[in-house]
């Protein structure tokens, strides 16, 4: 229990109260006993003066403890009738933040005054209320959040928060809970991918972004008290350069061993002026195909059917559209492919004949559609992967990436994460084996 004597020291309570109301940094340091880092102070000041704050910081920088826990406690102590949403990639993750808030309240002589007499009825894993009539909600990052109306939105580990298949959960749902009450928003993470939400927000002029690595530009520690340079050196050597680059130097593009497609090469294929859309094709100049790769099994753990429209035009390969589904019966697969073929004015349909693909192929042929089969066994798949790599290396592949189109970005996020998982491995005899994740259609090479 941190008692009032520990909190106040030689300070008069009246002085502490006024200073604490005006300065959350002062209040947090006094009440918690922490000495805040220079970057934590910047984060807090940013929340006081900006409506939207995006924190990109190294693992172990205490961003969750300071911003999701202690800044929230400051809000609840000094303000009334606030609605605060804390969300994370998993329900348990959000619950743990709530548990830390409650633990500080229970073990602090000042903060315990926030606990209402009706605690048994108003405190649980997903909800708590305080004597200041502030309410906290902890939820997993899902569309079901939509019913809340909030004053503050805190998204922890935003890089782990994957969007729904068809729209941006963050922009349409999470942010949507705050529109009515002009909520302040805080996103924080250690990035995992160059296309994470944090980098999208970094480009958005409405957001104030802070990036803090464990080392500054001169190679000095940004938190010497916790991470002296000699300790950082040991961490770097023990965990390996790739992991250290990703977790502590904010370099999500640090390559996996033997990647087929380097992250920066894929990003170079992005065109932010293009989005998924259906436009008539000049058939004298271009050639457009619809490719279908079907799930190899069924059930909750099965992978996805993936449908991709690709166009060859003027020496370039344009990804025009993509979608994926789980659990479609054969008749729905056929119906959807026929609709996409007509909608996107395609010349041809390419189908993987393995498994259910054979039956789909036959049904499409019965309707006299120009459909051919493309085997995805190991040799054929390797040839496709190599052809795709050549197209990427030659700058011929164009992937839509309009930042204003959530549908485009959601699907291409999935595509990017699949592609960076493809690896090549040398096997006995000097041959190369390609290890792939089988969730997305391999882009056909017209």
Protein backbone atom coordinates (compact mmCIF):
# COMPACT_ATOMS: atom_id res chain seq x y z
CA UNK A 1 0.00 0.00 0.00
CA UNK A 2 1.36 3.41 -1.03
CA UNK A 3 0.25 5.70 1.80
CA UNK A 4 -0.42 9.44 1.80
CA UNK A 5 2.91 10.19 3.47
CA UNK A 6 4.67 8.51 0.56
CA UNK A 7 2.59 10.49 -1.90
CA UNK A 8 2.73 13.95 -0.37
CA UNK A 9 6.16 13.99 1.22
CA UNK A 10 6.58 17.56 2.50
CA UNK A 11 3.86 18.92 0.20
CA UNK A 12 0.64 20.34 1.59
CA UNK A 13 -2.41 18.43 0.38
CA UNK A 14 -4.03 21.62 -0.91
CA UNK A 15 -0.92 22.43 -2.98
CA UNK A 16 -0.74 18.85 -4.23
CA UNK A 17 -4.39 19.01 -5.28
CA UNK A 18 -3.99 22.19 -7.34
CA UNK A 19 -0.72 21.17 -8.94
CA UNK A 20 -2.01 17.69 -9.66
CA UNK A 21 -5.09 19.05 -11.41
CA UNK A 22 -3.00 21.30 -13.64
CA UNK A 23 -0.12 18.92 -14.30
CA UNK A 24 -0.74 15.20 -14.86
CA UNK A 25 3.02 14.51 -14.99
CA UNK A 26 3.45 15.91 -11.48
CA UNK A 27 0.42 13.98 -10.21
CA UNK A 28 1.45 10.66 -11.76
CA UNK A 29 4.98 10.89 -10.36
CA UNK A 30 3.72 11.78 -6.87
CA UNK A 31 0.94 9.19 -6.71
CA UNK A 32 2.79 6.34 -8.41
CA UNK A 33 6.28 6.98 -7.09
CA UNK A 34 7.67 6.66 -10.61
CA UNK A 35 10.21 8.97 -12.18
CA UNK A 36 8.89 9.45 -15.68
CA UNK A 37 11.16 9.33 -18.69
CA UNK A 38 11.50 12.32 -20.99
CA UNK A 39 9.49 10.52 -23.66
CA UNK A 40 6.69 9.55 -21.26
CA UNK A 41 6.38 13.24 -20.35
CA UNK A 42 6.12 14.11 -24.03
CA UNK A 43 3.37 11.54 -24.49
CA UNK A 44 1.34 12.91 -21.58
CA UNK A 45 1.72 16.49 -22.75
CA UNK A 46 0.63 15.42 -26.22
CA UNK A 47 -2.58 13.91 -24.86
CA UNK A 48 -3.30 17.18 -23.09
CA UNK A 49 -2.92 19.28 -26.22
CA UNK A 50 -3.88 16.96 -29.12
CA UNK A 51 -7.02 15.08 -29.98
CA UNK A 52 -5.28 12.11 -31.56
CA UNK A 53 -1.91 10.69 -30.44
CA UNK A 54 -0.01 7.82 -32.07
CA UNK A 55 2.83 6.30 -30.02
CA UNK A 56 5.40 4.05 -31.71
CA UNK A 57 7.86 2.89 -29.07
CA UNK A 58 10.27 0.09 -28.26
CA UNK A 59 9.21 -2.95 -26.29
CA UNK A 60 9.47 -2.32 -22.55
CA UNK A 61 9.13 1.47 -22.79
CA UNK A 62 6.26 1.39 -20.23
CA UNK A 63 3.82 2.90 -22.69
CA UNK A 64 0.96 0.72 -21.42
CA UNK A 65 1.71 1.33 -17.73
CA UNK A 66 2.03 5.09 -18.08
CA UNK A 67 -0.58 5.87 -20.72
CA UNK A 68 -3.23 3.16 -20.44
CA UNK A 69 -3.02 2.79 -16.66
CA UNK A 70 -1.70 5.94 -14.98
CA UNK A 71 -2.97 8.55 -17.39
CA UNK A 72 -6.38 6.89 -17.14
CA UNK A 73 -6.18 7.08 -13.33
CA UNK A 74 -5.36 10.79 -13.55
CA UNK A 75 -8.40 11.31 -15.79
CA UNK A 76 -10.72 9.45 -13.42
CA UNK A 77 -9.41 11.33 -10.37
CA UNK A 78 -9.75 14.83 -11.80
CA UNK A 79 -12.71 14.56 -14.15
CA UNK A 80 -16.28 13.33 -13.85
CA UNK A 81 -18.72 11.45 -16.05
CA UNK A 82 -16.10 10.19 -18.50
CA UNK A 83 -16.66 7.18 -20.74
CA UNK A 84 -13.27 5.53 -21.42
CA UNK A 85 -12.68 2.62 -23.82
CA UNK A 86 -9.53 0.50 -23.54
CA UNK A 87 -9.15 -2.04 -26.32
CA UNK A 88 -6.50 -4.48 -27.45
CA UNK A 89 -6.01 -7.31 -29.90
CA UNK A 90 -7.46 -9.85 -27.46
CA UNK A 91 -10.03 -9.70 -24.71
CA UNK A 92 -7.56 -11.01 -22.14
CA UNK A 93 -5.07 -8.30 -23.03
CA UNK A 94 -7.63 -5.55 -22.35
CA UNK A 95 -8.69 -7.28 -19.14
CA UNK A 96 -5.10 -7.28 -17.86
CA UNK A 97 -4.95 -3.51 -18.26
CA UNK A 98 -8.17 -3.21 -16.25
CA UNK A 99 -6.69 -5.47 -13.56
CA UNK A 100 -3.61 -3.23 -13.30
CA UNK A 101 -5.82 -0.15 -12.86
CA UNK A 102 -7.81 -1.85 -10.10
CA UNK A 103 -4.64 -3.10 -8.42
CA UNK A 104 -3.25 0.43 -8.17
CA UNK A 105 -6.54 1.67 -6.73
CA UNK A 106 -6.63 -1.10 -4.13
CA UNK A 107 -3.03 -0.48 -3.07
CA UNK A 108 -2.95 3.31 -2.88
CA UNK A 109 -4.35 5.31 0.03
CA UNK A 110 -5.32 8.18 -2.24
CA UNK A 111 -6.73 6.22 -5.17
CA UNK A 112 -8.81 3.89 -3.03
CA UNK A 113 -11.27 6.78 -2.74
CA UNK A 114 -12.20 6.03 -6.37
CA UNK A 115 -13.69 2.72 -5.32
CA UNK A 116 -17.51 2.93 -4.93
CA UNK A 117 -19.44 1.17 -2.19
CA UNK A 118 -21.15 -0.85 -4.91
CA UNK A 119 -17.87 -2.29 -6.15
CA UNK A 120 -19.23 -5.85 -6.23
CA UNK A 121 -21.91 -4.77 -8.69
CA UNK A 122 -19.92 -2.29 -10.75
CA UNK A 123 -16.45 -3.83 -11.05
CA UNK A 124 -15.73 -6.73 -13.36
CA UNK A 125 -13.28 -7.62 -16.10
CA UNK A 126 -15.05 -5.61 -18.77
CA UNK A 127 -16.43 -2.67 -16.83
CA UNK A 128 -15.77 -0.51 -13.81
CA UNK A 129 -17.19 2.72 -12.47
CA UNK A 130 -15.72 5.15 -9.95
CA UNK A 131 -16.91 7.57 -7.30
CA UNK A 132 -16.25 10.31 -9.85
CA UNK A 133 -18.84 8.66 -12.09
CA UNK A 134 -16.27 7.68 -14.69
CA UNK A 135 -16.76 4.41 -16.53
CA UNK A 136 -14.09 2.23 -18.11
CA UNK A 137 -14.88 -0.43 -20.70
CA UNK A 138 -12.33 -3.05 -21.75
CA UNK A 139 -13.08 -4.81 -25.01
CA UNK A 140 -11.33 -6.89 -27.64
CA UNK A 141 -10.70 -5.07 -30.91
CA UNK A 142 -13.88 -6.18 -32.68
CA UNK A 143 -16.88 -4.66 -34.47
CA UNK A 144 -19.08 -5.45 -31.45
CA UNK A 145 -17.59 -2.36 -29.75
CA UNK A 146 -19.83 -0.23 -31.96
CA UNK A 147 -22.56 0.37 -29.36
CA UNK A 148 -20.35 2.37 -26.98
CA UNK A 149 -20.14 6.19 -26.81
CA UNK A 150 -16.79 7.35 -25.48
CA UNK A 151 -14.79 10.41 -24.37
CA UNK A 152 -11.40 8.67 -24.50
CA UNK A 153 -10.28 5.78 -26.71
CA UNK A 154 -7.08 3.89 -25.88
CA UNK A 155 -5.88 1.22 -28.32
CA UNK A 156 -2.98 -0.80 -26.91
CA UNK A 157 -0.66 -2.80 -29.20
CA UNK A 158 -2.46 -1.48 -32.26
CA UNK A 159 -0.11 -3.45 -34.54
CA UNK A 160 -1.70 -6.67 -33.31
CA UNK A 161 -5.22 -5.39 -33.96
CA UNK A 162 -6.19 -6.93 -37.28
CA UNK A 163 -9.10 -5.50 -39.20
CA UNK A 164 -12.24 -7.29 -40.26
CA UNK A 165 -12.27 -8.83 -43.72
CA UNK A 166 -14.39 -6.20 -45.41
CA UNK A 167 -13.82 -2.87 -43.65
CA UNK A 168 -11.58 -0.99 -41.30
CA UNK A 169 -12.53 -1.86 -37.73
CA UNK A 170 -10.49 1.04 -36.40
CA UNK A 171 -11.85 3.84 -38.56
CA UNK A 172 -15.44 2.70 -38.81
CA UNK A 173 -15.99 1.12 -35.40
CA UNK A 174 -13.36 2.07 -32.82
CA UNK A 175 -13.14 5.72 -33.81
CA UNK A 176 -16.86 5.73 -34.41
CA UNK A 177 -17.55 5.25 -30.69
CA UNK A 178 -16.05 8.69 -30.06
CA UNK A 179 -17.59 10.80 -32.80
CA UNK A 180 -20.66 11.85 -30.83
CA UNK A 181 -18.63 13.04 -27.81
CA UNK A 182 -15.52 14.26 -29.69
CA UNK A 183 -13.37 11.65 -27.99
CA UNK A 184 -9.62 11.94 -27.62
CA UNK A 185 -7.78 8.97 -29.11
CA UNK A 186 -4.54 7.25 -28.18
CA UNK A 187 -2.97 4.42 -30.18
CA UNK A 188 0.30 2.84 -29.06
CA UNK A 189 2.37 -0.08 -30.23
CA UNK A 190 5.69 -1.62 -31.06
CA UNK A 191 5.36 -2.08 -34.84
CA UNK A 192 5.35 -5.52 -36.38
CA UNK A 193 4.92 -4.66 -40.05
CA UNK A 194 5.65 -1.67 -42.32
CA UNK A 195 1.92 -1.51 -43.11
CA UNK A 196 0.69 -1.49 -39.51
CA UNK A 197 -2.03 0.90 -38.41
CA UNK A 198 0.56 3.08 -36.66
CA UNK A 199 2.22 3.91 -39.98
CA UNK A 200 -1.10 4.72 -41.59
CA UNK A 201 -1.82 7.12 -38.73
CA UNK A 202 1.67 8.60 -39.05
CA UNK A 203 0.72 9.82 -42.54
CA UNK A 204 -2.54 11.32 -41.25
CA UNK A 205 -2.21 15.03 -40.45
CA UNK A 206 -4.87 14.79 -37.75
CA UNK A 207 -2.63 12.52 -35.68
CA UNK A 208 0.41 13.53 -33.62
CA UNK A 209 2.99 10.74 -33.86
CA UNK A 210 5.91 10.02 -31.55
CA UNK A 211 8.58 7.43 -32.33
CA UNK A 212 11.00 6.34 -29.61
CA UNK A 213 13.73 3.75 -30.15
CA UNK A 214 15.81 2.30 -27.35
CA UNK A 215 18.88 4.06 -28.83
CA UNK A 216 19.13 7.64 -30.00
CA UNK A 217 20.84 8.74 -33.21
CA UNK A 218 24.25 8.80 -31.48
CA UNK A 219 23.83 5.28 -30.11
CA UNK A 220 23.07 6.38 -26.55
CA UNK A 221 20.30 4.81 -24.49
CA UNK A 222 17.01 6.70 -24.42
CA UNK A 223 16.36 5.27 -20.95
CA UNK A 224 19.74 4.86 -19.37
CA UNK A 225 18.39 4.17 -15.87
CA UNK A 226 16.55 1.07 -17.05
CA UNK A 227 18.53 0.15 -20.15
CA UNK A 228 22.20 1.17 -19.90
CA UNK A 229 24.22 0.71 -23.08
CA UNK A 230 26.01 -2.41 -21.80
CA UNK A 231 22.65 -4.07 -21.06
CA UNK A 232 21.37 -3.12 -24.52
CA UNK A 233 24.45 -4.69 -26.05
CA UNK A 234 23.80 -7.94 -24.19
CA UNK A 235 20.15 -7.92 -25.28
CA UNK A 236 21.15 -7.37 -28.89
CA UNK A 237 23.62 -10.23 -28.90
CA UNK A 238 21.39 -12.70 -27.06
CA UNK A 239 18.15 -12.16 -29.01
CA UNK A 240 19.66 -11.77 -32.49
CA UNK A 241 19.85 -8.76 -34.78
CA UNK A 242 16.54 -9.26 -36.56
CA UNK A 243 14.48 -9.47 -33.36
CA UNK A 244 16.40 -6.56 -31.81
CA UNK A 245 15.80 -4.40 -34.89
CA UNK A 246 12.08 -5.12 -34.77
CA UNK A 247 11.46 -4.87 -31.03
CA UNK A 248 13.86 -2.11 -30.00
CA UNK A 249 14.86 -0.10 -33.09
CA UNK A 250 11.36 0.03 -34.61
CA UNK A 251 12.45 -1.62 -37.83
CA UNK A 252 9.57 -3.92 -38.78
CA UNK A 253 11.18 -4.52 -42.18
CA UNK A 254 14.07 -6.45 -40.62
CA UNK A 255 14.06 -9.50 -42.84
CA UNK A 256 13.35 -13.06 -41.88
CA UNK A 257 15.99 -15.58 -42.87
CA UNK A 258 15.88 -16.34 -46.61
CA UNK A 259 12.70 -14.41 -47.50
CA UNK A 260 11.39 -14.78 -51.03
CA UNK A 261 9.93 -11.28 -50.98
CA UNK A 262 11.58 -8.52 -48.96
CA UNK A 263 9.06 -6.19 -47.24
CA UNK A 264 10.52 -3.07 -48.84
CA UNK A 265 10.24 -4.63 -52.31
CA UNK A 266 6.54 -5.35 -51.79
CA UNK A 267 5.96 -1.83 -50.48
CA UNK A 268 7.59 -0.46 -53.62
CA UNK A 269 4.76 -2.12 -55.55
CA UNK A 270 2.11 -0.10 -53.69
CA UNK A 271 0.29 2.64 -55.61
CA UNK A 272 -1.58 4.99 -53.29
CA UNK A 273 -3.46 6.52 -56.22
CA UNK A 274 -5.25 3.27 -57.03
CA UNK A 275 -7.98 1.32 -55.23
CA UNK A 276 -10.04 -1.82 -55.83
CA UNK A 277 -12.68 -0.99 -58.42
CA UNK A 278 -14.45 -2.36 -61.45
CA UNK A 279 -13.84 -0.58 -64.73
CA UNK A 280 -14.39 -1.71 -68.32
CA UNK A 281 -11.28 -3.08 -70.00
CA UNK A 282 -9.88 -1.99 -73.35
CA UNK A 283 -9.58 -5.53 -74.68
CA UNK A 284 -7.28 -4.51 -77.51
CA UNK A 285 -4.66 -3.28 -75.04
CA UNK A 286 -5.03 -5.34 -71.88
CA UNK A 287 -5.78 -8.84 -70.65
CA UNK A 288 -7.67 -9.52 -67.41
CA UNK A 289 -8.00 -12.79 -65.52
CA UNK A 290 -9.85 -13.97 -62.44
CA UNK A 291 -7.90 -16.54 -60.37
CA UNK A 292 -9.41 -18.77 -57.69
CA UNK A 293 -7.54 -20.76 -55.06
CA UNK A 294 -9.77 -22.84 -52.79
CA UNK A 295 -9.43 -23.88 -49.15
CA UNK A 296 -7.88 -27.30 -48.78
CA UNK A 297 -10.16 -28.26 -45.89
CA UNK A 298 -13.31 -27.17 -44.10
CA UNK A 299 -14.18 -26.29 -40.52
CA UNK A 300 -13.20 -23.49 -38.12
CA UNK A 301 -9.45 -24.06 -38.61
CA UNK A 302 -9.60 -24.21 -42.39
CA UNK A 303 -7.87 -21.68 -44.58
CA UNK A 304 -9.64 -19.44 -47.08
CA UNK A 305 -10.92 -19.40 -50.61
CA UNK A 306 -9.19 -16.49 -52.33
CA UNK A 307 -10.30 -14.75 -55.53
CA UNK A 308 -8.03 -12.28 -57.31
CA UNK A 309 -8.49 -10.18 -60.46
CA UNK A 310 -5.27 -9.29 -62.26
CA UNK A 311 -4.72 -7.28 -65.42
CA UNK A 312 -1.75 -7.21 -67.80
CA UNK A 313 -1.47 -3.80 -69.47
CA UNK A 314 1.43 -1.85 -71.01
CA UNK A 315 4.05 -4.22 -69.65
CA UNK A 316 2.70 -4.00 -66.09
CA UNK A 317 0.69 -6.39 -63.93
CA UNK A 318 -2.10 -4.67 -62.02
CA UNK A 319 -3.93 -6.22 -59.11
CA UNK A 320 -7.47 -4.99 -59.73
CA UNK A 321 -9.42 -6.70 -56.97
CA UNK A 322 -9.19 -9.37 -54.28
CA UNK A 323 -11.39 -11.04 -51.69
CA UNK A 324 -11.35 -14.17 -49.56
CA UNK A 325 -14.01 -16.30 -47.92
CA UNK A 326 -14.36 -19.19 -45.52
CA UNK A 327 -17.11 -21.77 -45.50
CA UNK A 328 -18.66 -21.13 -48.93
CA UNK A 329 -20.41 -24.24 -50.34
CA UNK A 330 -19.64 -25.23 -53.92
CA UNK A 331 -22.73 -23.53 -55.35
CA UNK A 332 -21.79 -20.23 -53.68
CA UNK A 333 -18.24 -20.47 -55.00
CA UNK A 334 -19.53 -20.91 -58.54
CA UNK A 335 -22.06 -18.09 -58.20
CA UNK A 336 -19.47 -15.69 -56.80
CA UNK A 337 -16.91 -16.48 -59.50
CA UNK A 338 -19.49 -15.95 -62.26
CA UNK A 339 -20.44 -12.60 -60.75
CA UNK A 340 -16.81 -11.44 -60.41
CA UNK A 341 -16.02 -12.59 -63.96
CA UNK A 342 -18.81 -10.45 -65.36
CA UNK A 343 -18.31 -7.50 -63.01
CA UNK A 344 -14.62 -7.12 -63.82
CA UNK A 345 -14.95 -7.86 -67.55
CA UNK A 346 -12.38 -10.68 -67.43
CA UNK A 347 -11.02 -12.64 -70.37
CA UNK A 348 -10.48 -15.84 -68.45
CA UNK A 349 -10.94 -17.68 -65.15
CA UNK A 350 -8.08 -19.69 -63.67
CA UNK A 351 -9.04 -22.35 -61.11
CA UNK A 352 -7.03 -24.62 -58.84
CA UNK A 353 -8.51 -28.06 -59.68
CA UNK A 354 -7.46 -29.75 -56.44
CA UNK A 355 -10.16 -30.75 -53.96
CA UNK A 356 -13.45 -28.95 -54.54
CA UNK A 357 -11.86 -27.08 -57.45
CA UNK A 358 -12.60 -29.87 -59.91
CA UNK A 359 -16.35 -29.63 -59.28
CA UNK A 360 -16.26 -25.83 -59.51
CA UNK A 361 -14.33 -26.07 -62.78
CA UNK A 362 -16.90 -28.41 -64.27
CA UNK A 363 -19.84 -26.19 -63.28
CA UNK A 364 -18.19 -23.12 -64.82
CA UNK A 365 -17.53 -25.02 -68.05
CA UNK A 366 -21.19 -26.04 -68.21
CA UNK A 367 -22.00 -22.34 -68.51
CA UNK A 368 -19.46 -22.06 -71.35
CA UNK A 369 -17.18 -19.74 -69.40
CA UNK A 370 -13.53 -19.49 -70.50
CA UNK A 371 -12.06 -21.34 -67.55
CA UNK A 372 -8.75 -23.21 -67.35
CA UNK A 373 -7.05 -25.07 -64.55
CA UNK A 374 -3.79 -24.15 -62.87
CA UNK A 375 -2.11 -26.76 -60.71
CA UNK A 376 -0.65 -25.57 -57.38
CA UNK A 377 1.50 -28.60 -56.61
CA UNK A 378 5.03 -27.92 -55.39
CA UNK A 379 6.70 -27.47 -58.79
CA UNK A 380 3.94 -25.29 -60.23
CA UNK A 381 3.76 -23.23 -57.05
CA UNK A 382 7.53 -22.69 -57.09
CA UNK A 383 7.33 -21.51 -60.70
CA UNK A 384 4.57 -19.05 -59.81
CA UNK A 385 6.50 -17.72 -56.83
CA UNK A 386 9.59 -17.19 -58.96
CA UNK A 387 7.58 -15.45 -61.70
CA UNK A 388 6.01 -13.20 -59.09
CA UNK A 389 9.43 -12.37 -57.63
CA UNK A 390 10.71 -11.40 -61.08
CA UNK A 391 7.70 -9.13 -61.57
CA UNK A 392 8.32 -7.49 -58.19
CA UNK A 393 12.06 -7.09 -58.74
CA UNK A 394 11.45 -5.58 -62.20
CA UNK A 395 8.90 -3.10 -60.82
CA UNK A 396 6.12 -4.56 -62.97
CA UNK A 397 3.63 -5.47 -60.22
CA UNK A 398 1.21 -2.73 -59.11
CA UNK A 399 -0.76 -3.27 -55.88
CA UNK A 400 -3.58 -0.80 -55.07
CA UNK A 401 -3.05 1.08 -51.82
CA UNK A 402 -5.36 4.11 -51.75
CA UNK A 403 -5.26 5.24 -48.08
CA UNK A 404 -8.86 6.45 -48.34
CA UNK A 405 -10.22 2.98 -49.23
CA UNK A 406 -10.51 0.65 -46.20
CA UNK A 407 -11.53 -2.32 -48.35
CA UNK A 408 -8.38 -2.03 -50.47
CA UNK A 409 -6.10 -1.56 -47.49
CA UNK A 410 -7.63 -4.38 -45.46
CA UNK A 411 -7.10 -6.93 -48.22
CA UNK A 412 -3.65 -5.73 -49.22
CA UNK A 413 -2.63 -5.83 -45.56
CA UNK A 414 -3.54 -9.50 -45.56
CA UNK A 415 -1.70 -10.02 -48.83
CA UNK A 416 1.42 -8.27 -47.56
CA UNK A 417 1.54 -10.32 -44.36
CA UNK A 418 1.17 -13.53 -46.34
CA UNK A 419 3.88 -12.61 -48.82
CA UNK A 420 6.51 -11.71 -46.24
CA UNK A 421 5.97 -15.16 -44.72
CA UNK A 422 7.16 -16.93 -47.88
CA UNK A 423 10.65 -18.39 -47.44
CA UNK A 424 13.10 -20.40 -49.46
CA UNK A 425 15.09 -23.21 -47.96
CA UNK A 426 18.02 -25.18 -49.31
CA UNK A 427 17.51 -28.93 -49.06
CA UNK A 428 19.67 -31.95 -49.65
CA UNK A 429 21.24 -32.01 -53.11
CA UNK A 430 21.43 -28.20 -53.36
CA UNK A 431 17.82 -27.78 -54.47
CA UNK A 432 15.52 -25.07 -53.18
CA UNK A 433 12.25 -25.67 -51.38
CA UNK A 434 9.70 -22.88 -50.98
CA UNK A 435 7.78 -22.62 -47.72
CA UNK A 436 4.52 -20.72 -48.07
CA UNK A 437 1.41 -19.83 -46.12
CA UNK A 438 -1.59 -21.15 -48.02
CA UNK A 439 -4.25 -18.52 -47.38
CA UNK A 440 -4.09 -16.09 -50.28
CA UNK A 441 -4.21 -16.63 -54.03
CA UNK A 442 -0.78 -16.50 -55.61
CA UNK A 443 -1.08 -13.65 -58.08
CA UNK A 444 -1.24 -15.16 -61.56
CA UNK A 445 1.32 -14.03 -64.10
CA UNK A 446 -0.64 -13.25 -67.30
